Amino acid sequence: MALSNEQLIEELSNKPIMEVVELVKALEEKWGVSAAAPVAVAAGPGAGAADAAAAEEQTEFEVILKSFGENKVSVIKVVRAVTGLGLKEAKDLVEGAPSTVKEAISKDDAESLKKQLEEAGASVDIK
């Protein structure tokens, strides 16, 4: 009995990733192809336009603390307030700069968090 594409995808999703990697290698050898070849072709002439469009459509942002500046205590307070971390975890995050404070947040939330951290004296990047 042949599996539908959806059934095959579901079966592969339930396998450990190393088994899937081995399966891909075995198929490449049997069929004499490389999974990387179509990707290289797809990344041809239109890649620059696709990258620009992807950059414009970014919906999730990451707030990165570059340094805590002169007032570490204030920065720790802001980090605790926005992340819900305990005092030790927030202190470790701040002292471990550069470190990600929050990820997968909207642009407005990222800008707001950046403003709060900068007001506390931190140096912040948004990616």
N, C-alpha and C. Protein backbone atom coordinates (compact mmCIF):
# COMPACT_ATOMS: atom_id res chain seq x y z
N MET A 1 0.84 -1.19 0.00
CA MET A 1 0.00 0.00 0.00
C MET A 1 0.89 1.25 0.00
N ALA A 2 0.65 2.14 -0.93
CA ALA A 2 1.45 3.36 -1.03
C ALA A 2 0.93 4.40 -0.05
N LEU A 3 1.86 5.15 0.54
CA LEU A 3 1.50 6.21 1.47
C LEU A 3 1.25 7.51 0.70
N SER A 4 0.30 8.30 1.17
CA SER A 4 0.11 9.62 0.58
C SER A 4 1.25 10.52 1.07
N ASN A 5 1.41 11.67 0.44
CA ASN A 5 2.46 12.60 0.86
C ASN A 5 2.29 12.99 2.33
N GLU A 6 1.05 13.24 2.74
CA GLU A 6 0.80 13.64 4.12
C GLU A 6 1.16 12.52 5.09
N GLN A 7 0.83 11.28 4.74
CA GLN A 7 1.16 10.15 5.59
C GLN A 7 2.68 9.96 5.69
N LEU A 8 3.36 10.12 4.57
CA LEU A 8 4.81 9.98 4.55
C LEU A 8 5.46 11.07 5.42
N ILE A 9 4.98 12.28 5.29
CA ILE A 9 5.51 13.39 6.09
C ILE A 9 5.28 13.12 7.57
N GLU A 10 4.10 12.63 7.91
CA GLU A 10 3.79 12.32 9.31
C GLU A 10 4.71 11.23 9.84
N GLU A 11 4.94 10.18 9.03
CA GLU A 11 5.84 9.09 9.44
C GLU A 11 7.26 9.62 9.67
N LEU A 12 7.74 10.45 8.76
CA LEU A 12 9.09 11.01 8.90
C LEU A 12 9.19 11.94 10.10
N SER A 13 8.11 12.66 10.39
CA SER A 13 8.10 13.58 11.53
C SER A 13 8.22 12.83 12.84
N ASN A 14 7.78 11.58 12.87
CA ASN A 14 7.82 10.79 14.10
C ASN A 14 9.15 10.07 14.30
N LYS A 15 10.03 10.12 13.32
CA LYS A 15 11.33 9.46 13.41
C LYS A 15 12.37 10.40 14.02
N PRO A 16 13.38 9.84 14.69
CA PRO A 16 14.48 10.68 15.18
C PRO A 16 15.19 11.33 13.99
N ILE A 17 15.70 12.51 14.17
CA ILE A 17 16.29 13.29 13.09
C ILE A 17 17.47 12.57 12.45
N MET A 18 18.24 11.83 13.24
CA MET A 18 19.39 11.12 12.67
C MET A 18 18.94 10.03 11.70
N GLU A 19 17.81 9.38 11.97
CA GLU A 19 17.29 8.38 11.04
C GLU A 19 16.86 9.04 9.73
N VAL A 20 16.27 10.21 9.81
CA VAL A 20 15.84 10.93 8.61
C VAL A 20 17.07 11.36 7.80
N VAL A 21 18.13 11.82 8.48
CA VAL A 21 19.36 12.21 7.79
C VAL A 21 19.96 11.01 7.06
N GLU A 22 19.97 9.85 7.74
CA GLU A 22 20.50 8.64 7.10
C GLU A 22 19.65 8.25 5.90
N LEU A 23 18.33 8.40 6.01
CA LEU A 23 17.43 8.09 4.90
C LEU A 23 17.72 8.99 3.70
N VAL A 24 17.91 10.27 3.96
CA VAL A 24 18.21 11.22 2.88
C VAL A 24 19.51 10.82 2.18
N LYS A 25 20.53 10.48 2.97
CA LYS A 25 21.81 10.07 2.37
C LYS A 25 21.63 8.82 1.52
N ALA A 26 20.87 7.85 2.03
CA ALA A 26 20.64 6.61 1.29
C ALA A 26 19.90 6.89 -0.02
N LEU A 27 18.90 7.76 0.01
CA LEU A 27 18.17 8.11 -1.21
C LEU A 27 19.06 8.83 -2.21
N GLU A 28 19.91 9.74 -1.71
CA GLU A 28 20.84 10.44 -2.60
C GLU A 28 21.76 9.45 -3.30
N GLU A 29 22.26 8.47 -2.55
CA GLU A 29 23.15 7.47 -3.15
C GLU A 29 22.40 6.60 -4.16
N LYS A 30 21.21 6.13 -3.80
CA LYS A 30 20.45 5.24 -4.67
C LYS A 30 20.06 5.93 -5.97
N TRP A 31 19.60 7.17 -5.87
CA TRP A 31 19.12 7.88 -7.06
C TRP A 31 20.20 8.70 -7.75
N GLY A 32 21.37 8.81 -7.12
CA GLY A 32 22.46 9.55 -7.74
C GLY A 32 22.19 11.05 -7.79
N VAL A 33 21.54 11.58 -6.78
CA VAL A 33 21.22 13.01 -6.72
C VAL A 33 21.74 13.59 -5.42
N SER A 34 21.65 14.90 -5.32
CA SER A 34 22.01 15.59 -4.09
C SER A 34 20.88 16.52 -3.71
N ALA A 35 20.47 16.49 -2.45
CA ALA A 35 19.40 17.37 -1.98
C ALA A 35 19.82 18.83 -2.03
N ALA A 36 21.11 19.09 -2.06
CA ALA A 36 21.61 20.46 -2.07
C ALA A 36 21.48 21.11 -3.44
N ALA A 37 21.46 20.34 -4.51
CA ALA A 37 21.43 20.90 -5.86
C ALA A 37 20.21 21.79 -6.11
N PRO A 38 18.97 21.36 -5.80
CA PRO A 38 17.83 22.24 -6.04
C PRO A 38 17.91 23.54 -5.24
N VAL A 39 18.48 23.48 -4.06
CA VAL A 39 18.60 24.67 -3.23
C VAL A 39 19.53 25.67 -3.91
N ALA A 40 20.64 25.18 -4.45
CA ALA A 40 21.60 26.06 -5.12
C ALA A 40 20.96 26.72 -6.33
N VAL A 41 20.15 25.97 -7.08
CA VAL A 41 19.46 26.52 -8.24
C VAL A 41 18.45 27.57 -7.79
N ALA A 42 17.73 27.28 -6.72
CA ALA A 42 16.72 28.22 -6.23
C ALA A 42 17.36 29.51 -5.73
N ALA A 43 18.59 29.43 -5.27
CA ALA A 43 19.27 30.61 -4.75
C ALA A 43 20.00 31.37 -5.85
N GLY A 44 19.63 31.14 -7.09
CA GLY A 44 20.28 31.77 -8.23
C GLY A 44 20.00 33.25 -8.36
N PRO A 45 19.62 33.71 -9.55
CA PRO A 45 19.51 35.13 -9.84
C PRO A 45 18.53 35.90 -8.96
N GLY A 46 17.43 35.32 -8.56
CA GLY A 46 16.43 36.06 -7.79
C GLY A 46 16.69 36.09 -6.31
N ALA A 47 17.80 35.56 -5.85
CA ALA A 47 18.06 35.46 -4.41
C ALA A 47 18.12 36.83 -3.75
N GLY A 48 18.71 37.80 -4.38
CA GLY A 48 18.81 39.14 -3.78
C GLY A 48 17.45 39.75 -3.54
N ALA A 49 16.54 39.61 -4.49
CA ALA A 49 15.19 40.14 -4.33
C ALA A 49 14.44 39.38 -3.26
N ALA A 50 14.63 38.07 -3.20
CA ALA A 50 13.95 37.26 -2.19
C ALA A 50 14.44 37.63 -0.80
N ASP A 51 15.75 37.85 -0.64
CA ASP A 51 16.29 38.25 0.65
C ASP A 51 15.75 39.61 1.07
N ALA A 52 15.65 40.54 0.14
CA ALA A 52 15.13 41.86 0.46
C ALA A 52 13.66 41.78 0.88
N ALA A 53 12.89 40.96 0.18
CA ALA A 53 11.48 40.80 0.53
C ALA A 53 11.34 40.16 1.90
N ALA A 54 12.18 39.18 2.21
CA ALA A 54 12.12 38.52 3.52
C ALA A 54 12.47 39.50 4.62
N ALA A 55 13.43 40.39 4.37
CA ALA A 55 13.81 41.37 5.38
C ALA A 55 12.67 42.35 5.63
N GLU A 56 11.95 42.73 4.58
CA GLU A 56 10.84 43.66 4.74
C GLU A 56 9.66 43.03 5.47
N GLU A 57 9.49 41.71 5.33
CA GLU A 57 8.35 41.03 5.90
C GLU A 57 8.61 40.46 7.29
N GLN A 58 9.73 40.79 7.89
CA GLN A 58 10.06 40.24 9.20
C GLN A 58 8.98 40.64 10.21
N THR A 59 8.45 39.64 10.90
CA THR A 59 7.38 39.91 11.86
C THR A 59 7.79 39.59 13.29
N GLU A 60 8.87 38.84 13.46
CA GLU A 60 9.33 38.51 14.80
C GLU A 60 10.73 39.07 14.99
N PHE A 61 10.93 39.68 16.15
CA PHE A 61 12.20 40.35 16.43
C PHE A 61 12.80 39.82 17.71
N GLU A 62 14.09 40.06 17.85
CA GLU A 62 14.85 39.60 19.01
C GLU A 62 15.53 40.82 19.63
N VAL A 63 15.41 40.97 20.95
CA VAL A 63 16.04 42.08 21.65
C VAL A 63 17.30 41.54 22.32
N ILE A 64 18.44 42.12 21.95
CA ILE A 64 19.73 41.65 22.46
C ILE A 64 20.38 42.74 23.30
N LEU A 65 20.72 42.38 24.53
CA LEU A 65 21.41 43.29 25.44
C LEU A 65 22.90 43.23 25.12
N LYS A 66 23.46 44.34 24.61
CA LYS A 66 24.88 44.37 24.27
C LYS A 66 25.73 44.60 25.52
N SER A 67 25.32 45.54 26.35
CA SER A 67 26.02 45.79 27.61
C SER A 67 25.06 46.48 28.57
N PHE A 68 25.35 46.38 29.88
CA PHE A 68 24.44 46.96 30.86
C PHE A 68 24.78 48.39 31.23
N GLY A 69 25.89 48.91 30.74
CA GLY A 69 26.23 50.30 30.97
C GLY A 69 26.63 50.59 32.40
N GLU A 70 26.33 51.80 32.85
CA GLU A 70 26.76 52.28 34.16
C GLU A 70 25.85 51.82 35.30
N ASN A 71 24.58 51.50 35.01
CA ASN A 71 23.62 51.23 36.07
C ASN A 71 23.07 49.81 35.95
N LYS A 72 23.87 48.85 36.35
CA LYS A 72 23.52 47.45 36.21
C LYS A 72 22.24 47.11 36.97
N VAL A 73 22.05 47.66 38.15
CA VAL A 73 20.88 47.35 38.99
C VAL A 73 19.58 47.73 38.28
N SER A 74 19.56 48.90 37.67
CA SER A 74 18.35 49.34 36.95
C SER A 74 18.06 48.43 35.77
N VAL A 75 19.10 48.01 35.06
CA VAL A 75 18.92 47.12 33.91
C VAL A 75 18.38 45.77 34.39
N ILE A 76 18.91 45.26 35.49
CA ILE A 76 18.42 44.00 36.05
C ILE A 76 16.94 44.11 36.40
N LYS A 77 16.54 45.23 36.99
CA LYS A 77 15.13 45.44 37.34
C LYS A 77 14.24 45.40 36.11
N VAL A 78 14.66 46.05 35.04
CA VAL A 78 13.87 46.05 33.80
C VAL A 78 13.80 44.64 33.23
N VAL A 79 14.93 43.94 33.19
CA VAL A 79 14.96 42.57 32.66
C VAL A 79 14.02 41.67 33.47
N ARG A 80 14.04 41.80 34.79
CA ARG A 80 13.15 40.99 35.64
C ARG A 80 11.69 41.32 35.33
N ALA A 81 11.38 42.59 35.15
CA ALA A 81 10.00 43.00 34.92
C ALA A 81 9.46 42.48 33.59
N VAL A 82 10.27 42.51 32.55
CA VAL A 82 9.78 42.13 31.22
C VAL A 82 9.87 40.64 30.93
N THR A 83 10.75 39.93 31.65
CA THR A 83 10.92 38.51 31.36
C THR A 83 10.28 37.60 32.40
N GLY A 84 10.06 38.12 33.60
CA GLY A 84 9.52 37.28 34.66
C GLY A 84 10.59 36.40 35.30
N LEU A 85 11.85 36.65 35.01
CA LEU A 85 12.94 35.87 35.59
C LEU A 85 13.13 36.25 37.05
N GLY A 86 13.72 35.33 37.80
CA GLY A 86 14.09 35.62 39.18
C GLY A 86 15.30 36.53 39.21
N LEU A 87 15.65 37.00 40.41
CA LEU A 87 16.76 37.93 40.55
C LEU A 87 18.08 37.33 40.04
N LYS A 88 18.39 36.11 40.44
CA LYS A 88 19.65 35.48 40.02
C LYS A 88 19.69 35.29 38.51
N GLU A 89 18.59 34.80 37.92
CA GLU A 89 18.57 34.56 36.48
C GLU A 89 18.70 35.87 35.70
N ALA A 90 18.00 36.91 36.15
CA ALA A 90 18.08 38.21 35.49
C ALA A 90 19.50 38.78 35.61
N LYS A 91 20.09 38.65 36.79
CA LYS A 91 21.46 39.14 37.01
C LYS A 91 22.43 38.39 36.09
N ASP A 92 22.29 37.06 36.00
CA ASP A 92 23.16 36.26 35.12
C ASP A 92 22.99 36.67 33.67
N LEU A 93 21.75 36.92 33.24
CA LEU A 93 21.50 37.34 31.85
C LEU A 93 22.17 38.68 31.58
N VAL A 94 22.01 39.63 32.49
CA VAL A 94 22.58 40.97 32.31
C VAL A 94 24.11 40.90 32.31
N GLU A 95 24.68 40.17 33.26
CA GLU A 95 26.14 40.09 33.34
C GLU A 95 26.74 39.26 32.21
N GLY A 96 25.93 38.43 31.56
CA GLY A 96 26.40 37.61 30.45
C GLY A 96 26.31 38.32 29.11
N ALA A 97 26.07 39.62 29.12
CA ALA A 97 25.91 40.37 27.88
C ALA A 97 27.12 40.18 26.98
N PRO A 98 26.96 40.07 25.68
CA PRO A 98 25.71 40.19 24.95
C PRO A 98 24.84 38.93 25.11
N SER A 99 23.56 39.16 25.35
CA SER A 99 22.62 38.05 25.53
C SER A 99 21.23 38.48 25.07
N THR A 100 20.44 37.48 24.67
CA THR A 100 19.09 37.73 24.20
C THR A 100 18.16 37.90 25.39
N VAL A 101 17.45 39.04 25.43
CA VAL A 101 16.51 39.29 26.50
C VAL A 101 15.17 38.67 26.16
N LYS A 102 14.68 38.93 24.95
CA LYS A 102 13.43 38.35 24.48
C LYS A 102 13.55 38.08 22.99
N GLU A 103 12.86 37.04 22.53
CA GLU A 103 12.87 36.71 21.11
C GLU A 103 11.47 36.40 20.65
N ALA A 104 11.28 36.45 19.34
CA ALA A 104 9.99 36.17 18.70
C ALA A 104 8.90 37.11 19.23
N ILE A 105 9.22 38.41 19.28
CA ILE A 105 8.23 39.40 19.70
C ILE A 105 7.99 40.37 18.54
N SER A 106 6.88 41.11 18.63
CA SER A 106 6.53 42.04 17.56
C SER A 106 7.49 43.23 17.55
N LYS A 107 7.48 43.96 16.45
CA LYS A 107 8.37 45.11 16.32
C LYS A 107 8.05 46.17 17.38
N ASP A 108 6.76 46.41 17.62
CA ASP A 108 6.37 47.40 18.63
C ASP A 108 6.86 47.00 20.01
N ASP A 109 6.68 45.71 20.36
CA ASP A 109 7.15 45.23 21.66
C ASP A 109 8.67 45.33 21.77
N ALA A 110 9.37 45.01 20.68
CA ALA A 110 10.83 45.08 20.67
C ALA A 110 11.30 46.52 20.86
N GLU A 111 10.65 47.45 20.17
CA GLU A 111 11.02 48.87 20.31
C GLU A 111 10.76 49.37 21.73
N SER A 112 9.62 48.96 22.29
CA SER A 112 9.28 49.37 23.66
C SER A 112 10.29 48.83 24.66
N LEU A 113 10.66 47.55 24.50
CA LEU A 113 11.64 46.93 25.40
C LEU A 113 13.00 47.61 25.25
N LYS A 114 13.38 47.90 24.01
CA LYS A 114 14.66 48.58 23.78
C LYS A 114 14.68 49.94 24.48
N LYS A 115 13.57 50.66 24.38
CA LYS A 115 13.48 51.98 25.01
C LYS A 115 13.62 51.86 26.53
N GLN A 116 12.92 50.87 27.13
CA GLN A 116 12.99 50.68 28.58
C GLN A 116 14.42 50.36 29.02
N LEU A 117 15.07 49.47 28.30
CA LEU A 117 16.43 49.07 28.66
C LEU A 117 17.42 50.23 28.48
N GLU A 118 17.25 51.00 27.40
CA GLU A 118 18.14 52.14 27.17
C GLU A 118 17.94 53.22 28.23
N GLU A 119 16.70 53.42 28.66
CA GLU A 119 16.44 54.38 29.74
C GLU A 119 17.11 53.96 31.04
N ALA A 120 17.25 52.66 31.23
CA ALA A 120 17.91 52.13 32.43
C ALA A 120 19.44 52.19 32.29
N GLY A 121 19.94 52.50 31.08
CA GLY A 121 21.37 52.66 30.87
C GLY A 121 22.02 51.58 30.03
N ALA A 122 21.25 50.65 29.51
CA ALA A 122 21.81 49.54 28.74
C ALA A 122 22.02 49.92 27.28
N SER A 123 22.86 49.14 26.62
CA SER A 123 23.06 49.25 25.19
C SER A 123 22.37 48.03 24.56
N VAL A 124 21.46 48.29 23.58
CA VAL A 124 20.57 47.23 23.08
C VAL A 124 20.55 47.22 21.56
N ASP A 125 20.40 46.01 20.98
CA ASP A 125 20.20 45.81 19.54
C ASP A 125 18.89 45.07 19.32
N ILE A 126 18.28 45.33 18.18
CA ILE A 126 17.09 44.57 17.76
C ILE A 126 17.45 43.88 16.46
N LYS A 127 17.18 42.59 16.40
CA LYS A 127 17.43 41.83 15.16
C LYS A 127 16.16 41.20 14.71
